[in-house]
Amino acid sequence: MADSAGMSIQPDEVAEVSRQLDELASRAQRVLADEAPNLTVTPSARDEVSQRVAGTLNEVHASFGTAADQGLGEMHEVAATLRGHSDNIVAADEDFVG
């Protein structure tokens, strides 16, 4: 695409970046899913403190998992939006030129 008022886009580069962004988000999701059993805490004893510490750590892990899932979902949405806008710009350029 030609430079227009200081703005240009390279559709192939945008496609590559959005693909990499999707891959990064997917990789992070896999790591979180694979490591979930290792991050789940079992109480070391039956006493109240051990139970409470394990419960708190598991709550934090669950909360982090929820936040991470939301963030990774947003990364997928950003990648999809980049692809969509790039496709729209290419189509508009083809209509303009053609």
PDB file of N, CA and C in Angstrom:
ATOM      1  N   MET A   1       0.852  -1.175   0.000  1.00  0.00           N
ATOM      2  CA  MET A   1       0.000   0.000   0.000  1.00  0.00           C
ATOM      3  C   MET A   1       0.893   1.233   0.000  1.00  0.00           C
ATOM      4  N   ALA A   2       0.515   2.178  -0.793  1.00  0.00           N
ATOM      5  CA  ALA A   2       1.292   3.409  -0.891  1.00  0.00           C
ATOM      6  C   ALA A   2       1.132   4.236   0.377  1.00  0.00           C
ATOM      7  N   ASP A   3       2.154   5.047   0.626  1.00  0.00           N
ATOM      8  CA  ASP A   3       2.117   5.928   1.794  1.00  0.00           C
ATOM      9  C   ASP A   3       1.072   7.011   1.563  1.00  0.00           C
ATOM     10  N   SER A   4       0.139   7.134   2.468  1.00  0.00           N
ATOM     11  CA  SER A   4      -0.934   8.117   2.338  1.00  0.00           C
ATOM     12  C   SER A   4      -0.964   8.977   3.589  1.00  0.00           C
ATOM     13  N   ALA A   5      -0.495  10.204   3.458  1.00  0.00           N
ATOM     14  CA  ALA A   5      -0.475  11.146   4.582  1.00  0.00           C
ATOM     15  C   ALA A   5       0.271  10.572   5.784  1.00  0.00           C
ATOM     16  N   GLY A   6       1.374   9.882   5.518  1.00  0.00           N
ATOM     17  CA  GLY A   6       2.194   9.369   6.604  1.00  0.00           C
ATOM     18  C   GLY A   6       1.722   8.053   7.193  1.00  0.00           C
ATOM     19  N   MET A   7       0.711   7.450   6.587  1.00  0.00           N
ATOM     20  CA  MET A   7       0.194   6.188   7.137  1.00  0.00           C
ATOM     21  C   MET A   7       0.274   5.120   6.060  1.00  0.00           C
ATOM     22  N   SER A   8       0.809   3.985   6.423  1.00  0.00           N
ATOM     23  CA  SER A   8       0.852   2.866   5.486  1.00  0.00           C
ATOM     24  C   SER A   8       0.675   1.578   6.268  1.00  0.00           C
ATOM     25  N   ILE A   9       0.311   0.535   5.552  1.00  0.00           N
ATOM     26  CA  ILE A   9       0.114  -0.771   6.192  1.00  0.00           C
ATOM     27  C   ILE A   9       0.696  -1.838   5.276  1.00  0.00           C
ATOM     28  N   GLN A  10       1.321  -2.797   5.880  1.00  0.00           N
ATOM     29  CA  GLN A  10       1.862  -3.935   5.155  1.00  0.00           C
ATOM     30  C   GLN A  10       1.003  -5.146   5.542  1.00  0.00           C
ATOM     31  N   PRO A  11       0.021  -5.499   4.732  1.00  0.00           N
ATOM     32  CA  PRO A  11      -0.921  -6.567   5.098  1.00  0.00           C
ATOM     33  C   PRO A  11      -0.251  -7.893   5.473  1.00  0.00           C
ATOM     34  N   ASP A  12       0.817  -8.239   4.761  1.00  0.00           N
ATOM     35  CA  ASP A  12       1.501  -9.502   5.081  1.00  0.00           C
ATOM     36  C   ASP A  12       2.126  -9.459   6.477  1.00  0.00           C
ATOM     37  N   GLU A  13       2.692  -8.303   6.828  1.00  0.00           N
ATOM     38  CA  GLU A  13       3.299  -8.157   8.153  1.00  0.00           C
ATOM     39  C   GLU A  13       2.227  -8.159   9.244  1.00  0.00           C
ATOM     40  N   VAL A  14       1.097  -7.510   8.966  1.00  0.00           N
ATOM     41  CA  VAL A  14      -0.003  -7.508   9.934  1.00  0.00           C
ATOM     42  C   VAL A  14      -0.524  -8.929  10.133  1.00  0.00           C
ATOM     43  N   ALA A  15      -0.638  -9.680   9.049  1.00  0.00           N
ATOM     44  CA  ALA A  15      -1.092 -11.068   9.141  1.00  0.00           C
ATOM     45  C   ALA A  15      -0.119 -11.900   9.975  1.00  0.00           C
ATOM     46  N   GLU A  16       1.175 -11.683   9.757  1.00  0.00           N
ATOM     47  CA  GLU A  16       2.190 -12.424  10.514  1.00  0.00           C
ATOM     48  C   GLU A  16       2.147 -12.059  11.995  1.00  0.00           C
ATOM     49  N   VAL A  17       2.022 -10.783  12.294  1.00  0.00           N
ATOM     50  CA  VAL A  17       1.966 -10.336  13.691  1.00  0.00           C
ATOM     51  C   VAL A  17       0.722 -10.886  14.368  1.00  0.00           C
ATOM     52  N   SER A  18      -0.410 -10.855  13.687  1.00  0.00           N
ATOM     53  CA  SER A  18      -1.636 -11.372  14.303  1.00  0.00           C
ATOM     54  C   SER A  18      -1.541 -12.884  14.514  1.00  0.00           C
ATOM     55  N   ARG A  19      -0.882 -13.594  13.583  1.00  0.00           N
ATOM     56  CA  ARG A  19      -0.678 -15.038  13.757  1.00  0.00           C
ATOM     57  C   ARG A  19       0.211 -15.308  14.971  1.00  0.00           C
ATOM     58  N   GLN A  20       1.278 -14.523  15.112  1.00  0.00           N
ATOM     59  CA  GLN A  20       2.172 -14.691  16.254  1.00  0.00           C
ATOM     60  C   GLN A  20       1.459 -14.371  17.568  1.00  0.00           C
ATOM     61  N   LEU A  21       0.618 -13.364  17.554  1.00  0.00           N
ATOM     62  CA  LEU A  21      -0.139 -13.001  18.746  1.00  0.00           C
ATOM     63  C   LEU A  21      -1.085 -14.133  19.148  1.00  0.00           C
ATOM     64  N   ASP A  22      -1.765 -14.709  18.162  1.00  0.00           N
ATOM     65  CA  ASP A  22      -2.632 -15.863  18.430  1.00  0.00           C
ATOM     66  C   ASP A  22      -1.830 -17.036  19.000  1.00  0.00           C
ATOM     67  N   GLU A  23      -0.679 -17.303  18.403  1.00  0.00           N
ATOM     68  CA  GLU A  23       0.162 -18.404  18.874  1.00  0.00           C
ATOM     69  C   GLU A  23       0.639 -18.170  20.307  1.00  0.00           C
ATOM     70  N   LEU A  24       1.024 -16.940  20.609  1.00  0.00           N
ATOM     71  CA  LEU A  24       1.470 -16.614  21.966  1.00  0.00           C
ATOM     72  C   LEU A  24       0.357 -16.842  22.975  1.00  0.00           C
ATOM     73  N   ALA A  25      -0.830 -16.366  22.666  1.00  0.00           N
ATOM     74  CA  ALA A  25      -1.968 -16.550  23.569  1.00  0.00           C
ATOM     75  C   ALA A  25      -2.289 -18.028  23.732  1.00  0.00           C
ATOM     76  N   SER A  26      -2.265 -18.776  22.644  1.00  0.00           N
ATOM     77  CA  SER A  26      -2.553 -20.219  22.716  1.00  0.00           C
ATOM     78  C   SER A  26      -1.499 -20.951  23.537  1.00  0.00           C
ATOM     79  N   ARG A  27      -0.253 -20.574  23.341  1.00  0.00           N
ATOM     80  CA  ARG A  27       0.844 -21.201  24.102  1.00  0.00           C
ATOM     81  C   ARG A  27       0.688 -20.921  25.590  1.00  0.00           C
ATOM     82  N   ALA A  28       0.365 -19.687  25.941  1.00  0.00           N
ATOM     83  CA  ALA A  28       0.164 -19.334  27.349  1.00  0.00           C
ATOM     84  C   ALA A  28      -1.021 -20.096  27.937  1.00  0.00           C
ATOM     85  N   GLN A  29      -2.089 -20.250  27.159  1.00  0.00           N
ATOM     86  CA  GLN A  29      -3.246 -21.014  27.638  1.00  0.00           C
ATOM     87  C   GLN A  29      -2.862 -22.471  27.898  1.00  0.00           C
ATOM     88  N   ARG A  30      -2.076 -23.052  26.993  1.00  0.00           N
ATOM     89  CA  ARG A  30      -1.643 -24.448  27.178  1.00  0.00           C
ATOM     90  C   ARG A  30      -0.781 -24.597  28.422  1.00  0.00           C
ATOM     91  N   VAL A  31       0.141 -23.656  28.624  1.00  0.00           N
ATOM     92  CA  VAL A  31       1.016 -23.727  29.804  1.00  0.00           C
ATOM     93  C   VAL A  31       0.186 -23.635  31.078  1.00  0.00           C
ATOM     94  N   LEU A  32      -0.745 -22.700  31.125  1.00  0.00           N
ATOM     95  CA  LEU A  32      -1.591 -22.558  32.320  1.00  0.00           C
ATOM     96  C   LEU A  32      -2.407 -23.819  32.568  1.00  0.00           C
ATOM     97  N   ALA A  33      -2.942 -24.402  31.506  1.00  0.00           N
ATOM     98  CA  ALA A  33      -3.733 -25.627  31.654  1.00  0.00           C
ATOM     99  C   ALA A  33      -2.849 -26.798  32.091  1.00  0.00           C
ATOM    100  N   ASP A  34      -1.678 -26.911  31.479  1.00  0.00           N
ATOM    101  CA  ASP A  34      -0.767 -28.016  31.815  1.00  0.00           C
ATOM    102  C   ASP A  34      -0.230 -27.916  33.238  1.00  0.00           C
ATOM    103  N   GLU A  35       0.007 -26.698  33.699  1.00  0.00           N
ATOM    104  CA  GLU A  35       0.598 -26.499  35.016  1.00  0.00           C
ATOM    105  C   GLU A  35      -0.427 -26.378  36.137  1.00  0.00           C
ATOM    106  N   ALA A  36      -1.698 -26.328  35.814  1.00  0.00           N
ATOM    107  CA  ALA A  36      -2.736 -26.172  36.841  1.00  0.00           C
ATOM    108  C   ALA A  36      -2.620 -27.215  37.967  1.00  0.00           C
ATOM    109  N   PRO A  37      -2.412 -28.493  37.637  1.00  0.00           N
ATOM    110  CA  PRO A  37      -2.279 -29.469  38.735  1.00  0.00           C
ATOM    111  C   PRO A  37      -1.076 -29.186  39.646  1.00  0.00           C
ATOM    112  N   ASN A  38      -0.002 -28.653  39.069  1.00  0.00           N
ATOM    113  CA  ASN A  38       1.190 -28.348  39.863  1.00  0.00           C
ATOM    114  C   ASN A  38       1.004 -27.117  40.729  1.00  0.00           C
ATOM    115  N   LEU A  39       0.031 -26.285  40.386  1.00  0.00           N
ATOM    116  CA  LEU A  39      -0.200 -25.053  41.132  1.00  0.00           C
ATOM    117  C   LEU A  39      -1.328 -25.180  42.144  1.00  0.00           C
ATOM    118  N   THR A  40      -1.947 -26.330  42.185  1.00  0.00           N
ATOM    119  CA  THR A  40      -3.005 -26.572  43.159  1.00  0.00           C
ATOM    120  C   THR A  40      -2.356 -27.053  44.455  1.00  0.00           C
ATOM    121  N   VAL A  41      -2.672 -26.380  45.545  1.00  0.00           N
ATOM    122  CA  VAL A  41      -2.033 -26.655  46.833  1.00  0.00           C
ATOM    123  C   VAL A  41      -2.919 -27.573  47.665  1.00  0.00           C
ATOM    124  N   THR A  42      -2.303 -28.602  48.197  1.00  0.00           N
ATOM    125  CA  THR A  42      -2.999 -29.445  49.167  1.00  0.00           C
ATOM    126  C   THR A  42      -2.447 -29.106  50.550  1.00  0.00           C
ATOM    127  N   PRO A  43      -3.312 -29.067  51.527  1.00  0.00           N
ATOM    128  CA  PRO A  43      -2.834 -28.733  52.880  1.00  0.00           C
ATOM    129  C   PRO A  43      -1.785 -29.739  53.346  1.00  0.00           C
ATOM    130  N   SER A  44      -0.785 -29.235  54.035  1.00  0.00           N
ATOM    131  CA  SER A  44       0.275 -30.129  54.523  1.00  0.00           C
ATOM    132  C   SER A  44      -0.145 -30.874  55.781  1.00  0.00           C
ATOM    133  N   ALA A  45      -1.181 -30.388  56.422  1.00  0.00           N
ATOM    134  CA  ALA A  45      -1.678 -31.040  57.636  1.00  0.00           C
ATOM    135  C   ALA A  45      -3.170 -30.725  57.774  1.00  0.00           C
ATOM    136  N   ARG A  46      -3.765 -31.238  58.866  1.00  0.00           N
ATOM    137  CA  ARG A  46      -5.187 -31.012  59.091  1.00  0.00           C
ATOM    138  C   ARG A  46      -5.471 -29.791  59.970  1.00  0.00           C
ATOM    139  N   ASP A  47      -4.413 -29.140  60.408  1.00  0.00           N
ATOM    140  CA  ASP A  47      -4.617 -27.995  61.298  1.00  0.00           C
ATOM    141  C   ASP A  47      -5.233 -26.820  60.521  1.00  0.00           C
ATOM    142  N   GLU A  48      -5.795 -25.900  61.277  1.00  0.00           N
ATOM    143  CA  GLU A  48      -6.511 -24.773  60.684  1.00  0.00           C
ATOM    144  C   GLU A  48      -5.615 -23.903  59.803  1.00  0.00           C
ATOM    145  N   VAL A  49      -4.383 -23.668  60.231  1.00  0.00           N
ATOM    146  CA  VAL A  49      -3.478 -22.814  59.472  1.00  0.00           C
ATOM    147  C   VAL A  49      -3.150 -23.448  58.115  1.00  0.00           C
ATOM    148  N   SER A  50      -2.809 -24.708  58.114  1.00  0.00           N
ATOM    149  CA  SER A  50      -2.491 -25.398  56.861  1.00  0.00           C
ATOM    150  C   SER A  50      -3.679 -25.386  55.914  1.00  0.00           C
ATOM    151  N   GLN A  51      -4.855 -25.629  56.466  1.00  0.00           N
ATOM    152  CA  GLN A  51      -6.075 -25.625  55.658  1.00  0.00           C
ATOM    153  C   GLN A  51      -6.318 -24.233  55.066  1.00  0.00           C
ATOM    154  N   ARG A  52      -6.152 -23.233  55.912  1.00  0.00           N
ATOM    155  CA  ARG A  52      -6.407 -21.848  55.487  1.00  0.00           C
ATOM    156  C   ARG A  52      -5.397 -21.398  54.430  1.00  0.00           C
ATOM    157  N   VAL A  53      -4.133 -21.710  54.626  1.00  0.00           N
ATOM    158  CA  VAL A  53      -3.102 -21.323  53.659  1.00  0.00           C
ATOM    159  C   VAL A  53      -3.369 -22.000  52.314  1.00  0.00           C
ATOM    160  N   ALA A  54      -3.648 -23.276  52.324  1.00  0.00           N
ATOM    161  CA  ALA A  54      -3.924 -23.997  51.080  1.00  0.00           C
ATOM    162  C   ALA A  54      -5.159 -23.421  50.387  1.00  0.00           C
ATOM    163  N   GLY A  55      -6.188 -23.152  51.174  1.00  0.00           N
ATOM    164  CA  GLY A  55      -7.402 -22.572  50.603  1.00  0.00           C
ATOM    165  C   GLY A  55      -7.155 -21.211  49.977  1.00  0.00           C
ATOM    166  N   THR A  56      -6.401 -20.381  50.663  1.00  0.00           N
ATOM    167  CA  THR A  56      -6.093 -19.040  50.150  1.00  0.00           C
ATOM    168  C   THR A  56      -5.267 -19.128  48.869  1.00  0.00           C
ATOM    169  N   LEU A  57      -4.254 -19.971  48.865  1.00  0.00           N
ATOM    170  CA  LEU A  57      -3.426 -20.121  47.669  1.00  0.00           C
ATOM    171  C   LEU A  57      -4.243 -20.648  46.490  1.00  0.00           C
ATOM    172  N   ASN A  58      -5.147 -21.563  46.751  1.00  0.00           N
ATOM    173  CA  ASN A  58      -5.989 -22.089  45.682  1.00  0.00           C
ATOM    174  C   ASN A  58      -6.966 -21.031  45.168  1.00  0.00           C
ATOM    175  N   GLU A  59      -7.453 -20.175  46.067  1.00  0.00           N
ATOM    176  CA  GLU A  59      -8.322 -19.077  45.633  1.00  0.00           C
ATOM    177  C   GLU A  59      -7.560 -18.095  44.750  1.00  0.00           C
ATOM    178  N   VAL A  60      -6.328 -17.795  45.144  1.00  0.00           N
ATOM    179  CA  VAL A  60      -5.492 -16.896  44.344  1.00  0.00           C
ATOM    180  C   VAL A  60      -5.222 -17.524  42.980  1.00  0.00           C
ATOM    181  N   HIS A  61      -4.922 -18.816  42.972  1.00  0.00           N
ATOM    182  CA  HIS A  61      -4.672 -19.518  41.711  1.00  0.00           C
ATOM    183  C   HIS A  61      -5.909 -19.463  40.816  1.00  0.00           C
ATOM    184  N   ALA A  62      -7.076 -19.685  41.374  1.00  0.00           N
ATOM    185  CA  ALA A  62      -8.317 -19.647  40.598  1.00  0.00           C
ATOM    186  C   ALA A  62      -8.569 -18.239  40.062  1.00  0.00           C
ATOM    187  N   SER A  63      -8.347 -17.251  40.902  1.00  0.00           N
ATOM    188  CA  SER A  63      -8.550 -15.862  40.487  1.00  0.00           C
ATOM    189  C   SER A  63      -7.580 -15.479  39.374  1.00  0.00           C
ATOM    190  N   PHE A  64      -6.330 -15.875  39.518  1.00  0.00           N
ATOM    191  CA  PHE A  64      -5.336 -15.606  38.485  1.00  0.00           C
ATOM    192  C   PHE A  64      -5.720 -16.316  37.194  1.00  0.00           C
ATOM    193  N   GLY A  65      -6.170 -17.551  37.305  1.00  0.00           N
ATOM    194  CA  GLY A  65      -6.582 -18.303  36.116  1.00  0.00           C
ATOM    195  C   GLY A  65      -7.702 -17.604  35.364  1.00  0.00           C
ATOM    196  N   THR A  66      -8.673 -17.104  36.106  1.00  0.00           N
ATOM    197  CA  THR A  66      -9.781 -16.381  35.485  1.00  0.00           C
ATOM    198  C   THR A  66      -9.288 -15.125  34.780  1.00  0.00           C
ATOM    199  N   ALA A  67      -8.454 -14.354  35.464  1.00  0.00           N
ATOM    200  CA  ALA A  67      -7.916 -13.125  34.877  1.00  0.00           C
ATOM    201  C   ALA A  67      -7.042 -13.437  33.656  1.00  0.00           C
ATOM    202  N   ALA A  68      -6.226 -14.473  33.756  1.00  0.00           N
ATOM    203  CA  ALA A  68      -5.357 -14.850  32.638  1.00  0.00           C
ATOM    204  C   ALA A  68      -6.197 -15.286  31.442  1.00  0.00           C
ATOM    205  N   ASP A  69      -7.241 -16.073  31.678  1.00  0.00           N
ATOM    206  CA  ASP A  69      -8.116 -16.505  30.587  1.00  0.00           C
ATOM    207  C   ASP A  69      -8.752 -15.305  29.893  1.00  0.00           C
ATOM    208  N   GLN A  70      -9.184 -14.326  30.686  1.00  0.00           N
ATOM    209  CA  GLN A  70      -9.781 -13.124  30.095  1.00  0.00           C
ATOM    210  C   GLN A  70      -8.745 -12.362  29.267  1.00  0.00           C
ATOM    211  N   GLY A  71      -7.565 -12.206  29.815  1.00  0.00           N
ATOM    212  CA  GLY A  71      -6.506 -11.496  29.099  1.00  0.00           C
ATOM    213  C   GLY A  71      -6.095 -12.201  27.823  1.00  0.00           C
ATOM    214  N   LEU A  72      -5.992 -13.512  27.880  1.00  0.00           N
ATOM    215  CA  LEU A  72      -5.609 -14.273  26.691  1.00  0.00           C
ATOM    216  C   LEU A  72      -6.723 -14.251  25.647  1.00  0.00           C
ATOM    217  N   GLY A  73      -7.955 -14.241  26.119  1.00  0.00           N
ATOM    218  CA  GLY A  73      -9.081 -14.080  25.188  1.00  0.00           C
ATOM    219  C   GLY A  73      -9.010 -12.734  24.485  1.00  0.00           C
ATOM    220  N   GLU A  74      -8.632 -11.709  25.232  1.00  0.00           N
ATOM    221  CA  GLU A  74      -8.473 -10.380  24.643  1.00  0.00           C
ATOM    222  C   GLU A  74      -7.358 -10.385  23.596  1.00  0.00           C
ATOM    223  N   MET A  75      -6.283 -11.117  23.867  1.00  0.00           N
ATOM    224  CA  MET A  75      -5.195 -11.202  22.886  1.00  0.00           C
ATOM    225  C   MET A  75      -5.699 -11.823  21.584  1.00  0.00           C
ATOM    226  N   HIS A  76      -6.510 -12.880  21.693  1.00  0.00           N
ATOM    227  CA  HIS A  76      -7.087 -13.494  20.492  1.00  0.00           C
ATOM    228  C   HIS A  76      -7.992 -12.502  19.758  1.00  0.00           C
ATOM    229  N   GLU A  77      -8.755 -11.732  20.510  1.00  0.00           N
ATOM    230  CA  GLU A  77      -9.636 -10.734  19.887  1.00  0.00           C
ATOM    231  C   GLU A  77      -8.837  -9.637  19.188  1.00  0.00           C
ATOM    232  N   VAL A  78      -7.749  -9.202  19.796  1.00  0.00           N
ATOM    233  CA  VAL A  78      -6.904  -8.186  19.165  1.00  0.00           C
ATOM    234  C   VAL A  78      -6.340  -8.723  17.855  1.00  0.00           C
ATOM    235  N   ALA A  79      -5.876  -9.964  17.874  1.00  0.00           N
ATOM    236  CA  ALA A  79      -5.336 -10.570  16.651  1.00  0.00           C
ATOM    237  C   ALA A  79      -6.415 -10.643  15.570  1.00  0.00           C
ATOM    238  N   ALA A  80      -7.619 -11.037  15.945  1.00  0.00           N
ATOM    239  CA  ALA A  80      -8.716 -11.119  14.979  1.00  0.00           C
ATOM    240  C   ALA A  80      -9.076  -9.733  14.443  1.00  0.00           C
ATOM    241  N   THR A  81      -9.057  -8.743  15.310  1.00  0.00           N
ATOM    242  CA  THR A  81      -9.358  -7.372  14.881  1.00  0.00           C
ATOM    243  C   THR A  81      -8.297  -6.862  13.918  1.00  0.00           C
ATOM    244  N   LEU A  82      -7.036  -7.130  14.216  1.00  0.00           N
ATOM    245  CA  LEU A  82      -5.956  -6.737  13.301  1.00  0.00           C
ATOM    246  C   LEU A  82      -6.150  -7.364  11.927  1.00  0.00           C
ATOM    247  N   ARG A  83      -6.447  -8.666  11.918  1.00  0.00           N
ATOM    248  CA  ARG A  83      -6.668  -9.347  10.642  1.00  0.00           C
ATOM    249  C   ARG A  83      -7.852  -8.742   9.904  1.00  0.00           C
ATOM    250  N   GLY A  84      -8.926  -8.496  10.623  1.00  0.00           N
ATOM    251  CA  GLY A  84     -10.120  -7.936   9.991  1.00  0.00           C
ATOM    252  C   GLY A  84      -9.879  -6.565   9.403  1.00  0.00           C
ATOM    253  N   HIS A  85      -9.219  -5.697  10.146  1.00  0.00           N
ATOM    254  CA  HIS A  85      -8.942  -4.356   9.645  1.00  0.00           C
ATOM    255  C   HIS A  85      -7.986  -4.401   8.457  1.00  0.00           C
ATOM    256  N   SER A  86      -7.000  -5.254   8.540  1.00  0.00           N
ATOM    257  CA  SER A  86      -6.055  -5.389   7.432  1.00  0.00           C
ATOM    258  C   SER A  86      -6.781  -5.871   6.184  1.00  0.00           C
ATOM    259  N   ASP A  87      -7.638  -6.861   6.336  1.00  0.00           N
ATOM    260  CA  ASP A  87      -8.412  -7.369   5.193  1.00  0.00           C
ATOM    261  C   ASP A  87      -9.304  -6.277   4.615  1.00  0.00           C
ATOM    262  N   ASN A  88      -9.921  -5.477   5.486  1.00  0.00           N
ATOM    263  CA  ASN A  88     -10.790  -4.397   5.019  1.00  0.00           C
ATOM    264  C   ASN A  88     -10.002  -3.338   4.242  1.00  0.00           C
ATOM    265  N   ILE A  89      -8.808  -3.020   4.723  1.00  0.00           N
ATOM    266  CA  ILE A  89      -7.982  -2.034   4.047  1.00  0.00           C
ATOM    267  C   ILE A  89      -7.536  -2.551   2.678  1.00  0.00           C
ATOM    268  N   VAL A  90      -7.145  -3.814   2.625  1.00  0.00           N
ATOM    269  CA  VAL A  90      -6.742  -4.412   1.345  1.00  0.00           C
ATOM    270  C   VAL A  90      -7.922  -4.385   0.374  1.00  0.00           C
ATOM    271  N   ALA A  91      -9.105  -4.761   0.857  1.00  0.00           N
ATOM    272  CA  ALA A  91     -10.284  -4.767  -0.014  1.00  0.00           C
ATOM    273  C   ALA A  91     -10.619  -3.349  -0.493  1.00  0.00           C
ATOM    274  N   ALA A  92     -10.494  -2.372   0.386  1.00  0.00           N
ATOM    275  CA  ALA A  92     -10.773  -0.990   0.002  1.00  0.00           C
ATOM    276  C   ALA A  92      -9.756  -0.515  -1.032  1.00  0.00           C
ATOM    277  N   ASP A  93      -8.497  -0.879  -0.848  1.00  0.00           N
ATOM    278  CA  ASP A  93      -7.466  -0.506  -1.815  1.00  0.00           C
ATOM    279  C   ASP A  93      -7.737  -1.150  -3.175  1.00  0.00           C
ATOM    280  N   GLU A  94      -8.125  -2.412  -3.161  1.00  0.00           N
ATOM    281  CA  GLU A  94      -8.423  -3.095  -4.423  1.00  0.00           C
ATOM    282  C   GLU A  94      -9.611  -2.451  -5.130  1.00  0.00           C
ATOM    283  N   ASP A  95     -10.626  -2.048  -4.377  1.00  0.00           N
ATOM    284  CA  ASP A  95     -11.770  -1.353  -4.966  1.00  0.00           C
ATOM    285  C   ASP A  95     -11.354  -0.010  -5.539  1.00  0.00           C
ATOM    286  N   PHE A  96     -10.456   0.678  -4.824  1.00  0.00           N
ATOM    287  CA  PHE A  96     -10.003   2.002  -5.240  1.00  0.00           C
ATOM    288  C   PHE A  96      -9.146   1.914  -6.505  1.00  0.00           C
ATOM    289  N   VAL A  97      -8.238   0.946  -6.506  1.00  0.00           N
ATOM    290  CA  VAL A  97      -7.306   0.787  -7.624  1.00  0.00           C
ATOM    291  C   VAL A  97      -8.020   0.144  -8.807  1.00  0.00           C
ATOM    292  N   GLY A  98      -8.828  -0.875  -8.517  1.00  0.00           N
ATOM    293  CA  GLY A  98      -9.486  -1.637  -9.581  1.00  0.00           C
ATOM    294  C   GLY A  98     -10.624  -0.929 -10.121  1.00  0.00           C
TER     295      GLY A  98
END
